[in-house]
Amino acid sequence: MLIAAALILAACSKDIQNTDAVKLGVIDYLRARMAQTGLNVDSLQVEVTSVAFQKDEVRATVSIRPKTGDSGAPMMMNYVLDRKGNKWVVRGRTENGVNPHGKVAPGDGSGMPPGHPANGGEPSGMPPSGKLPPGHPPIGSQK
């Protein structure tokens, strides 16, 4: 009886603090988001390149690239995962100053640091008038 209870307890506390378990959690997350991302997870090579375990949380850096073809550099994604029973579940990504809870980094939500001048929505960064700021050297000058 005591041996059976010990076996059941051991099965319930499965050790998932390994990269394979983290990789499975990330793949499950990507698979659940296939309709949103358009990524076919089955055609991707997903590798966990680094992990940091802290109790029931793990921070992981993951390399994602197509399984076939010369794709160049992989996408590198940072994820935070929480332990849910015997598996890791992605809480969110940690990219560009945005935390995994979805709050925007300090500032106005533009991604620019506080106090940064607006670029007027122009892709070139030019002011909407097309004029350069006072004292700015002409574009193409060697100064």
Protein backbone atom coordinates (compact mmCIF):
# COMPACT_ATOMS: atom_id res chain seq x y z
CA MET A 1 0.00 0.00 0.00
CA LEU A 2 2.76 2.43 0.93
CA ILE A 3 4.69 1.60 -2.24
CA ALA A 4 1.60 2.24 -4.41
CA ALA A 5 1.05 5.64 -2.76
CA ALA A 6 4.70 6.57 -3.37
CA LEU A 7 4.42 5.60 -7.05
CA ILE A 8 1.26 7.66 -7.51
CA LEU A 9 2.86 10.66 -5.80
CA ALA A 10 5.96 10.36 -7.99
CA ALA A 11 3.83 10.22 -11.13
CA CYS A 12 1.92 13.36 -10.09
CA SER A 13 5.09 15.39 -9.57
CA LYS A 14 6.67 14.77 -12.97
CA ASP A 15 9.93 16.67 -13.48
CA ILE A 16 9.35 19.03 -16.40
CA GLN A 17 12.32 21.30 -15.78
CA ASN A 18 14.02 20.40 -19.05
CA THR A 19 14.27 21.90 -22.52
CA ASP A 20 12.15 19.17 -24.14
CA ALA A 21 9.18 20.04 -21.92
CA VAL A 22 9.66 23.76 -22.63
CA LYS A 23 9.87 23.07 -26.38
CA LEU A 24 6.62 21.10 -26.22
CA GLY A 25 4.92 24.02 -24.44
CA VAL A 26 6.10 26.48 -27.10
CA ILE A 27 5.00 24.16 -29.94
CA ASP A 28 1.56 23.76 -28.32
CA TYR A 29 1.33 27.57 -28.11
CA LEU A 30 2.34 28.06 -31.74
CA ARG A 31 -0.05 25.34 -32.90
CA ALA A 32 -2.95 26.98 -31.03
CA ARG A 33 -2.16 30.30 -32.77
CA MET A 34 -1.75 28.93 -36.32
CA ALA A 35 -4.91 30.68 -37.56
CA GLN A 36 -3.63 34.04 -36.26
CA THR A 37 0.00 33.70 -37.33
CA GLY A 38 -0.36 31.72 -40.54
CA LEU A 39 2.62 29.61 -39.49
CA ASN A 40 2.40 25.86 -40.09
CA VAL A 41 4.15 24.56 -36.99
CA ASP A 42 4.72 21.16 -38.60
CA SER A 43 6.97 22.81 -41.22
CA LEU A 44 9.07 24.65 -38.60
CA GLN A 45 12.20 23.66 -36.74
CA VAL A 46 11.76 24.86 -33.16
CA GLU A 47 14.77 24.78 -30.83
CA VAL A 48 15.09 26.04 -27.27
CA THR A 49 18.44 27.83 -27.18
CA SER A 50 18.39 28.92 -23.54
CA VAL A 51 16.20 28.50 -20.47
CA ALA A 52 16.07 29.90 -16.95
CA PHE A 53 13.87 28.01 -14.50
CA GLN A 54 12.43 29.70 -11.41
CA LYS A 55 10.02 27.52 -9.42
CA ASP A 56 6.85 27.37 -11.55
CA GLU A 57 8.08 29.77 -14.24
CA VAL A 58 10.59 29.50 -17.05
CA ARG A 59 12.04 32.10 -19.39
CA ALA A 60 13.12 30.63 -22.71
CA THR A 61 14.78 31.86 -25.87
CA VAL A 62 13.56 29.90 -28.86
CA SER A 63 14.94 29.65 -32.40
CA ILE A 64 12.32 29.16 -35.12
CA ARG A 65 13.10 28.46 -38.79
CA PRO A 66 11.65 26.51 -41.71
CA LYS A 67 12.65 22.83 -41.81
CA THR A 68 13.53 23.05 -45.50
CA GLY A 69 15.39 25.53 -47.66
CA ASP A 70 18.05 28.10 -46.89
CA SER A 71 16.12 30.50 -44.68
CA GLY A 72 19.04 32.51 -43.38
CA ALA A 73 18.93 33.57 -39.75
CA PRO A 74 16.17 32.08 -37.58
CA MET A 75 13.54 34.09 -35.76
CA MET A 76 14.58 34.38 -32.13
CA MET A 77 11.67 34.63 -29.71
CA ASN A 78 11.67 35.07 -25.93
CA TYR A 79 8.85 33.42 -24.01
CA VAL A 80 7.71 33.21 -20.41
CA LEU A 81 6.00 29.93 -19.53
CA ASP A 82 4.10 28.90 -16.40
CA ARG A 83 3.85 25.40 -14.99
CA LYS A 84 0.30 24.07 -15.30
CA GLY A 85 0.20 20.58 -13.85
CA ASN A 86 2.74 18.48 -15.73
CA LYS A 87 3.39 20.84 -18.63
CA TRP A 88 4.63 24.32 -19.48
CA VAL A 89 2.12 26.83 -20.87
CA VAL A 90 3.24 30.01 -22.63
CA ARG A 91 2.13 33.11 -20.73
CA GLY A 92 3.46 35.44 -23.39
CA ARG A 93 6.41 36.81 -25.30
CA THR A 94 8.89 39.32 -23.97
CA GLU A 95 9.91 41.47 -26.92
CA ASN A 96 10.66 45.17 -27.43
CA GLY A 97 10.05 46.21 -23.84
CA VAL A 98 6.56 44.69 -23.71
CA ASN A 99 6.08 42.38 -20.79
CA PRO A 100 4.33 39.00 -21.09
CA HIS A 101 1.18 40.40 -19.45
CA GLY A 102 0.49 42.64 -22.42
CA LYS A 103 1.13 46.03 -20.81
CA VAL A 104 2.79 48.59 -23.05
CA ALA A 105 6.24 49.86 -22.21
CA PRO A 106 6.41 53.39 -20.76
CA GLY A 107 5.63 56.10 -23.28
CA ASP A 108 2.73 56.88 -25.54
CA GLY A 109 2.35 53.40 -27.06
CA SER A 110 4.27 54.36 -30.22
CA GLY A 111 7.28 52.31 -29.20
CA MET A 112 9.33 55.50 -28.90
CA PRO A 113 10.86 56.48 -25.56
CA PRO A 114 9.06 59.17 -23.57
CA GLY A 115 9.74 62.65 -24.97
CA HIS A 116 10.91 61.38 -28.37
CA PRO A 117 9.70 63.68 -31.15
CA ALA A 118 7.04 62.22 -33.40
CA ASN A 119 8.14 61.40 -36.92
CA GLY A 120 4.87 62.62 -38.44
CA GLY A 121 3.95 59.16 -39.63
CA GLU A 122 6.32 59.43 -42.57
CA PRO A 123 8.26 56.20 -43.23
CA SER A 124 11.43 58.21 -43.93
CA GLY A 125 11.21 60.00 -40.59
CA MET A 126 10.87 63.35 -42.40
CA PRO A 127 8.45 65.87 -40.95
CA PRO A 128 5.09 65.91 -42.80
CA SER A 129 6.02 69.18 -44.55
CA GLY A 130 9.03 67.55 -46.18
CA LYS A 131 11.28 70.25 -44.70
CA LEU A 132 14.24 69.47 -42.53
CA PRO A 133 14.49 70.89 -39.01
CA PRO A 134 16.39 74.19 -38.65
CA GLY A 135 20.14 73.66 -38.76
CA HIS A 136 19.90 70.17 -40.28
CA PRO A 137 22.44 69.61 -43.07
CA PRO A 138 21.03 68.91 -46.50
CA ILE A 139 20.31 65.26 -47.23
CA GLY A 140 23.16 63.72 -49.15
CA SER A 141 25.73 66.22 -47.85
CA GLN A 142 28.99 64.88 -46.48
CA LYS A 143 28.92 67.04 -43.32
